[in-house]
């Protein structure tokens, strides 16, 4: 059938299919496999799907109170937007099986999640890029800090997509932990990991700010953002790092928030930056949520609401499109809060408050062209070895082993069962090609009766 369609038309048809269908379509033929895993097609498919909301949410939490225990206690679920939290669609495998430490989610972009080992040490820091839609993970090892002999260090991470080079980048800003040291003598170390080059490189900088250890980052408008303090250790600003130009910038936070709160998280919601200051220096557990209505304009900061009467709040987890927010209680209970009515409703989910994470899943093929790097890491906590298993999993004809499970026992891969989903949009894309398509479908049915394809 594909021989009777132009490459351009076939690309247009396939680019409109959901990821799950395209993973099956890789079994149709070697030419389809080559097309679907081509980086140009992956980018084209993302252009089609990114503007559409998949309606899926990804939710992660730990079922135990302690995070420095077996990672098997951490669970990842997919939910439909309306089905959260009662009815999960499926449970996903934890990407870092065997790592006996908590894995932090640095951020997500285009369906790719950046994960990071959350424990300090020179050789124990690891990260990974994970696309749950295609079940692919790419491992990243942090380079050794060049001034580790001076003492312990901390680092802050940011993750995003550089549209100028079509590249996914992880940014690491490293500081010596002793804040009394002079910046001129021990300046921050800024490094960038590029997925395209699969390597790290240093970036010249004149950074005079410090991000708190474990602080959140937010990616928006091609830049990573953190809340940081200036050299005086008091004044707070938002520091941005443009992934394309690779330069730092700053934006002021509302004056009424400066030097008033112990913590201040930054996030992105509905295409805007958000600030969530909580816990005043008086130890009062109170939250306020601010939105920057015009990006880069400090005067556009607007307070959305306060949460000041709930002393048992530990952290604000996520914002829902319905206007409600998810809050984590001190006892580990996850609850909904409606800022308009101030009503609270239970989710029946109990876990570690630091582990809760909820975000919209963008279905994409990003990382599909990468080799499988499924990890059963048994990294030693004593010697700090990395213990990475990197075993590409593919059959001799180029079809991944995970596809063998899909195609096992199936008839010819050109069968209507796989192609029906593509046929649903044939008429919209190429109404003049109906006779050719019908004829091809008839022939594919005849072929399916006489032969089968095995990917083993």
Foldseek 3Di string as FASTA:
>chain_A
DVVVDDPVLVLVLVLQDFLVLLLLLLQQDVVSVCQCLDPVSQVSSLVNQVVPFPQKKKKKFFADQDFQAACVRIWIFIPRQVGPPPDTPDTADDQAAQRSGHKDFQDDESQWTKIWGQDFDFQQIWIWIARRLLGFIGIAGDHGDPVCVVDGKAKHKHWDAAPVVRWTKIKIWMDHPPLVDDCVVPPIWIKMATPVVRDIDTDDAPDFWDADHPAHWEDAPQWIWGWTAGNVRFFIWIWIARPHVRYIDIAHADPVPGNFAPDWHWYDDPRWIKIWGAQGPVRQGKIWIWTQPDPRDNVSIDTDAIGRPDRQFDDWAAARPVQWTWTAGVQQFIWIAHRVVRDIGGSPDGGHRVTIHMDRRRRGCPCVNPFHQRFNANQDPVPSHGRGGGDGAAFPSGRGPVSQVVCPPPFNSLACVSCVSSVVCCCVSPVPCVVVVVVVNVVSVVVRVPGGDHRD
